Amino acid sequence: MYDPTLLATLSTVARCGSFDLAAAQLSITQSAVSQRIKTLEDRVGTVLIERGTPSLPTAAGARLIRHADEVSLLEQQLARDMALTQTQSAPVRIAVNADSLDTWVLPALAKCEGLLFDLVVDDQDHSARWLRQGDVAAAITSRADPIQGCDSVPLGALRYRATASPAFMARYFADGVTETTLRAAPALTYSRRDRLQQDWVARQLGKRVPLATNLLPSTVGFVTASLLGLGWGMNPEPLVRGLLDEGQLIEVIEGVALETPLYWQISRITAKPLKELTKNIQDAASTALIRQQNQP
């Protein structure tokens, strides 16, 4: 077993991104932080922190940090079970897609006491890899089958509407939504991993169509860009419901939505100490997401 003090120092440096800030948070000198990290690296036999601006953990460092975080969560659970005083919040790292983060996840996190969150934002089709690599304790993902060592909990589906401004619709889709008009109309894409627009088009036309697109990595920016006529895109229904009702946005094809099933996958090691987090995620999802037919 490694010295918990050394592990906690490593975790603090990684979270703060610098030895100076870690020293201030731990109320010790920078030289003491450096000495602790060097001592741990000597014991492990490899570099754990890449010194720089910011200072980042190596792969080995990230693995030790995850171990330290798991131990912190288990100690917090032990303190609760034994009615002991717990003074420090435990860090927990989770992966979440941007649309869920900006529509329904934050209220769930806000209800959790005694936790410090380190959020990794990634597309729901790719967030599971963070769990598979052991970089996070839990993830909101589109993958239903449990990753090894994890439990998978169905949350429901986030409904997306293909939307654009009235002026955009008049300019590009006056003759209807066809392969020709879709090729000409600028789209909005969150990132190069974002397939929502392509998936929606494929469902309507039965094939994929090359889209001229604006790359815009912002959920709220997507809505603003749609309102300004920069392009058409798949917007989460909770964000645009009011704008559709007011006529500020129009569905590209009325009543044709796309639903993305989401699952909460959590490491079994930390499932018990994060039981409250799981419940809060499920409660928030039950009001924000669409229940699936095979969902209990």
Protein backbone atom coordinates (compact mmCIF):
# COMPACT_ATOMS: atom_id res chain seq x y z
CA MET A 1 0.00 0.00 0.00
CA TYR A 2 1.20 3.51 -0.80
CA ASP A 3 1.24 6.27 1.79
CA PRO A 4 -2.22 7.93 1.76
CA THR A 5 -0.59 11.35 2.28
CA LEU A 6 1.52 10.91 -0.84
CA LEU A 7 -1.48 9.74 -2.86
CA ALA A 8 -3.57 12.67 -1.65
CA THR A 9 -0.79 15.06 -2.68
CA LEU A 10 -0.62 13.49 -6.14
CA SER A 11 -4.39 13.82 -6.54
CA THR A 12 -4.29 17.47 -5.41
CA VAL A 13 -1.52 18.39 -7.87
CA ALA A 14 -3.49 16.80 -10.71
CA ARG A 15 -6.71 18.61 -9.77
CA CYS A 16 -5.01 21.99 -9.26
CA GLY A 17 -2.74 21.69 -12.30
CA SER A 18 0.26 23.14 -10.48
CA PHE A 19 2.53 22.49 -7.52
CA ASP A 20 1.99 26.05 -6.23
CA LEU A 21 -1.79 25.77 -6.08
CA ALA A 22 -1.57 22.27 -4.57
CA ALA A 23 0.75 23.59 -1.86
CA ALA A 24 -1.71 26.38 -1.03
CA GLN A 25 -4.63 23.94 -0.84
CA LEU A 26 -2.69 21.52 1.35
CA SER A 27 -1.24 24.34 3.51
CA ILE A 28 2.35 23.18 2.95
CA THR A 29 5.26 24.57 0.97
CA GLN A 30 5.82 23.96 -2.72
CA SER A 31 9.08 22.17 -1.91
CA ALA A 32 7.17 19.81 0.38
CA VAL A 33 4.74 19.01 -2.44
CA SER A 34 7.65 18.39 -4.83
CA GLN A 35 9.36 16.14 -2.29
CA ARG A 36 6.19 14.09 -1.74
CA ILE A 37 5.69 13.59 -5.47
CA LYS A 38 9.36 12.65 -5.94
CA THR A 39 9.15 10.18 -3.06
CA LEU A 40 6.06 8.55 -4.56
CA GLU A 41 7.65 8.43 -8.03
CA ASP A 42 10.76 6.79 -6.54
CA ARG A 43 8.61 4.14 -4.85
CA VAL A 44 6.56 3.45 -7.97
CA GLY A 45 9.56 3.61 -10.26
CA THR A 46 8.04 5.90 -12.89
CA VAL A 47 7.08 9.51 -13.54
CA LEU A 48 3.60 10.31 -12.22
CA ILE A 49 3.31 14.03 -13.04
CA GLU A 50 4.44 15.75 -16.21
CA ARG A 51 5.82 19.05 -14.98
CA GLY A 52 4.56 22.01 -16.98
CA THR A 53 1.73 24.52 -17.27
CA PRO A 54 -0.51 22.85 -16.35
CA SER A 55 1.11 19.92 -14.56
CA LEU A 56 -0.70 16.80 -15.74
CA PRO A 57 -0.70 13.18 -14.54
CA THR A 58 0.88 10.48 -16.67
CA ALA A 59 -1.05 7.28 -17.36
CA ALA A 60 0.50 5.71 -14.26
CA GLY A 61 -0.29 8.83 -12.25
CA ALA A 62 -3.92 8.80 -13.38
CA ARG A 63 -4.24 5.16 -12.31
CA LEU A 64 -2.89 5.94 -8.84
CA ILE A 65 -5.18 8.97 -8.56
CA ARG A 66 -8.19 6.80 -9.37
CA HIS A 67 -7.09 4.39 -6.64
CA ALA A 68 -6.75 7.27 -4.20
CA ASP A 69 -10.19 8.61 -5.12
CA GLU A 70 -11.74 5.16 -4.67
CA VAL A 71 -10.13 4.83 -1.24
CA SER A 72 -11.42 8.30 -0.30
CA LEU A 73 -14.96 7.35 -1.31
CA LEU A 74 -14.79 4.08 0.63
CA GLU A 75 -13.46 5.88 3.70
CA GLN A 76 -16.29 8.38 3.45
CA GLN A 77 -18.81 5.51 3.30
CA LEU A 78 -17.16 3.90 6.33
CA ALA A 79 -17.44 7.17 8.25
CA ARG A 80 -21.16 7.37 7.43
CA ASP A 81 -21.73 3.74 8.41
CA MET A 82 -20.01 4.28 11.77
CA ALA A 83 -21.52 7.73 12.36
CA LEU A 84 -18.07 9.28 12.41
CA THR A 85 -17.36 12.92 11.62
CA GLN A 86 -16.30 13.35 8.00
CA THR A 87 -14.64 16.72 7.36
CA GLN A 88 -13.30 16.35 3.82
CA SER A 89 -15.27 15.98 0.61
CA ALA A 90 -14.36 13.00 -1.56
CA PRO A 91 -13.45 13.60 -5.22
CA VAL A 92 -15.32 11.69 -7.88
CA ARG A 93 -14.67 11.79 -11.61
CA ILE A 94 -17.52 11.07 -14.03
CA ALA A 95 -17.93 11.29 -17.80
CA VAL A 96 -21.04 13.02 -19.15
CA ASN A 97 -22.24 14.19 -22.54
CA ALA A 98 -22.54 17.94 -22.98
CA ASP A 99 -26.27 17.95 -23.75
CA SER A 100 -27.11 16.09 -20.53
CA LEU A 101 -24.79 18.34 -18.55
CA ASP A 102 -26.52 21.46 -19.85
CA THR A 103 -30.09 20.19 -19.50
CA TRP A 104 -30.56 17.93 -16.47
CA VAL A 105 -27.39 16.60 -14.79
CA LEU A 106 -26.26 19.61 -12.74
CA PRO A 107 -29.32 19.64 -10.42
CA ALA A 108 -28.61 15.98 -9.64
CA LEU A 109 -25.00 16.76 -8.72
CA ALA A 110 -26.03 19.75 -6.62
CA LYS A 111 -28.07 17.47 -4.34
CA CYS A 112 -25.02 15.38 -3.42
CA GLU A 113 -23.24 16.27 -0.20
CA GLY A 114 -19.64 15.45 0.56
CA LEU A 115 -18.51 15.08 -3.06
CA LEU A 116 -16.24 17.12 -5.30
CA PHE A 117 -16.90 16.52 -8.99
CA ASP A 118 -14.34 16.28 -11.77
CA LEU A 119 -16.44 16.18 -14.96
CA VAL A 120 -15.14 14.79 -18.23
CA VAL A 121 -17.31 15.98 -21.13
CA ASP A 122 -17.49 13.60 -24.08
CA ASP A 123 -20.03 12.39 -26.62
CA GLN A 124 -22.44 9.78 -25.25
CA ASP A 125 -21.23 7.30 -27.87
CA HIS A 126 -17.66 7.61 -26.62
CA SER A 127 -17.94 8.36 -22.89
CA ALA A 128 -17.87 4.64 -22.05
CA ARG A 129 -14.22 4.44 -23.03
CA TRP A 130 -13.33 6.55 -19.98
CA LEU A 131 -14.81 3.81 -17.80
CA ARG A 132 -13.17 1.07 -19.80
CA GLN A 133 -9.79 2.77 -19.34
CA GLY A 134 -10.45 3.19 -15.63
CA ASP A 135 -10.27 6.99 -15.80
CA VAL A 136 -13.69 7.68 -14.24
CA ALA A 137 -15.90 6.12 -11.57
CA ALA A 138 -19.11 6.48 -13.60
CA ALA A 139 -20.36 7.67 -16.97
CA ILE A 140 -23.53 8.67 -18.77
CA THR A 141 -23.34 6.75 -22.01
CA SER A 142 -25.40 5.40 -24.90
CA ARG A 143 -23.93 1.95 -24.28
CA ALA A 144 -26.45 -0.40 -22.66
CA ASP A 145 -24.35 -3.51 -21.97
CA PRO A 146 -22.30 -3.19 -18.78
CA ILE A 147 -18.60 -2.54 -19.13
CA GLN A 148 -16.53 -5.10 -17.23
CA GLY A 149 -16.66 -4.33 -13.52
CA CYS A 150 -19.58 -1.92 -13.88
CA ASP A 151 -23.34 -1.86 -13.43
CA SER A 152 -25.55 -0.36 -16.14
CA VAL A 153 -28.74 1.51 -15.21
CA PRO A 154 -31.19 2.66 -17.94
CA LEU A 155 -32.06 6.34 -17.58
CA GLY A 156 -34.37 7.01 -20.51
CA ALA A 157 -33.80 8.82 -23.80
CA LEU A 158 -32.91 12.42 -24.53
CA ARG A 159 -35.16 13.66 -27.33
CA TYR A 160 -33.68 15.89 -30.02
CA ARG A 161 -35.51 18.15 -32.45
CA ALA A 162 -34.07 19.15 -35.83
CA THR A 163 -34.56 22.91 -35.69
CA ALA A 164 -33.79 26.09 -37.60
CA SER A 165 -34.94 29.70 -37.67
CA PRO A 166 -37.93 30.68 -39.83
CA ALA A 167 -35.66 32.75 -42.09
CA PHE A 168 -33.27 29.81 -42.51
CA MET A 169 -36.14 27.50 -43.38
CA ALA A 170 -37.45 29.95 -45.99
CA ARG A 171 -34.01 30.33 -47.54
CA TYR A 172 -32.88 26.70 -47.71
CA PHE A 173 -35.96 24.50 -47.40
CA ALA A 174 -38.63 26.42 -49.30
CA ASP A 175 -38.77 23.50 -51.77
CA GLY A 176 -38.87 20.86 -49.02
CA VAL A 177 -36.30 18.73 -47.24
CA THR A 178 -34.55 16.68 -49.90
CA GLU A 179 -31.06 15.40 -50.54
CA THR A 180 -30.42 18.45 -52.71
CA THR A 181 -31.60 21.00 -50.15
CA LEU A 182 -29.81 19.22 -47.28
CA ARG A 183 -26.54 19.30 -49.21
CA ALA A 184 -26.92 23.05 -49.67
CA ALA A 185 -28.13 24.00 -46.18
CA PRO A 186 -25.37 24.59 -43.58
CA ALA A 187 -25.69 22.27 -40.60
CA LEU A 188 -24.41 22.53 -37.04
CA THR A 189 -22.15 19.83 -35.58
CA TYR A 190 -20.93 19.73 -31.97
CA SER A 191 -17.68 17.92 -32.77
CA ARG A 192 -16.23 15.52 -35.32
CA ARG A 193 -17.66 12.69 -33.18
CA ASP A 194 -21.18 14.12 -33.29
CA ARG A 195 -23.36 11.91 -35.52
CA LEU A 196 -26.81 13.21 -34.55
CA GLN A 197 -27.37 15.32 -37.67
CA GLN A 198 -26.13 12.52 -39.93
CA ASP A 199 -28.28 9.95 -38.13
CA TRP A 200 -31.38 12.13 -38.47
CA VAL A 201 -30.79 12.64 -42.21
CA ALA A 202 -30.17 8.92 -42.74
CA ARG A 203 -33.49 8.10 -41.09
CA GLN A 204 -35.36 10.52 -43.34
CA LEU A 205 -33.66 9.66 -46.64
CA GLY A 206 -32.57 6.08 -46.03
CA LYS A 207 -28.93 6.97 -46.67
CA ARG A 208 -26.20 9.25 -45.43
CA VAL A 209 -25.68 12.58 -47.15
CA PRO A 210 -22.53 14.75 -46.99
CA LEU A 211 -23.39 17.87 -45.00
CA ALA A 212 -21.75 21.27 -45.13
CA THR A 213 -21.41 21.98 -41.43
CA ASN A 214 -20.26 24.44 -38.79
CA LEU A 215 -18.30 22.86 -35.92
CA LEU A 216 -19.66 24.38 -32.70
CA PRO A 217 -18.74 22.66 -29.40
CA SER A 218 -21.39 24.32 -27.23
CA THR A 219 -24.87 23.06 -26.37
CA VAL A 220 -26.21 26.54 -25.62
CA GLY A 221 -24.26 27.89 -28.60
CA PHE A 222 -26.13 25.40 -30.78
CA VAL A 223 -29.43 27.01 -29.81
CA THR A 224 -28.11 30.53 -30.31
CA ALA A 225 -26.64 29.62 -33.70
CA SER A 226 -29.98 28.12 -34.74
CA LEU A 227 -31.79 31.31 -33.74
CA LEU A 228 -29.30 33.43 -35.68
CA GLY A 229 -29.67 31.32 -38.83
CA LEU A 230 -26.10 30.02 -38.83
CA GLY A 231 -27.35 26.52 -39.56
CA TRP A 232 -29.81 23.77 -38.67
CA GLY A 233 -29.06 21.22 -35.98
CA MET A 234 -30.32 18.66 -33.50
CA ASN A 235 -31.17 20.51 -30.30
CA PRO A 236 -32.21 18.83 -27.02
CA GLU A 237 -35.96 19.23 -26.65
CA PRO A 238 -35.75 20.62 -23.08
CA LEU A 239 -33.68 23.56 -24.38
CA VAL A 240 -35.83 24.47 -27.38
CA ARG A 241 -39.39 23.54 -26.34
CA GLY A 242 -40.26 27.13 -25.45
CA LEU A 243 -38.61 28.54 -28.59
CA LEU A 244 -40.60 26.11 -30.74
CA ASP A 245 -43.83 27.09 -28.99
CA GLU A 246 -43.05 30.77 -29.60
CA GLY A 247 -42.13 30.21 -33.24
CA GLN A 248 -38.60 31.49 -32.86
CA LEU A 249 -37.43 28.08 -34.06
CA ILE A 250 -39.15 25.69 -36.47
CA GLU A 251 -38.73 21.95 -36.86
CA VAL A 252 -37.02 21.08 -40.13
CA ILE A 253 -39.61 18.32 -40.50
CA GLU A 254 -42.48 18.78 -38.07
CA GLY A 255 -42.92 16.01 -35.52
CA VAL A 256 -39.84 14.04 -36.60
CA ALA A 257 -37.55 13.70 -33.57
CA LEU A 258 -34.52 11.60 -32.71
CA GLU A 259 -34.26 9.87 -29.34
CA THR A 260 -30.92 8.86 -27.85
CA PRO A 261 -31.11 6.24 -25.05
CA LEU A 262 -28.83 6.98 -22.11
CA TYR A 263 -27.44 4.73 -19.38
CA TRP A 264 -25.67 5.33 -16.10
CA GLN A 265 -22.70 2.99 -15.84
CA ILE A 266 -20.87 2.94 -12.53
CA SER A 267 -17.90 0.99 -11.19
CA ARG A 268 -18.99 -1.68 -8.73
CA ILE A 269 -16.11 -0.72 -6.43
CA THR A 270 -17.61 2.71 -5.80
CA ALA A 271 -21.28 1.88 -6.39
CA LYS A 272 -22.13 1.76 -2.67
CA PRO A 273 -20.46 5.04 -1.61
CA LEU A 274 -21.98 6.70 -4.68
CA LYS A 275 -25.45 5.29 -4.07
CA GLU A 276 -26.88 8.76 -3.38
CA LEU A 277 -25.36 10.11 -6.61
CA THR A 278 -26.91 7.25 -8.58
CA LYS A 279 -30.33 7.91 -7.03
CA ASN A 280 -30.09 11.64 -7.81
CA ILE A 281 -29.10 10.90 -11.41
CA GLN A 282 -32.05 8.52 -11.79
CA ASP A 283 -34.50 11.01 -10.23
CA ALA A 284 -33.36 13.85 -12.49
CA ALA A 285 -33.47 11.62 -15.55
CA SER A 286 -37.01 10.48 -14.74
CA THR A 287 -38.33 14.02 -15.21
CA ALA A 288 -36.06 15.18 -18.06
CA LEU A 289 -35.80 12.11 -20.28
CA ILE A 290 -38.27 10.05 -22.29
CA ARG A 291 -39.04 6.64 -20.80
CA GLN A 292 -38.18 3.77 -23.13
CA GLN A 293 -40.63 0.92 -23.80
CA ASN A 294 -38.35 -1.74 -22.28
CA GLN A 295 -37.40 0.47 -19.32
CA PRO A 296 -38.69 -0.65 -15.91
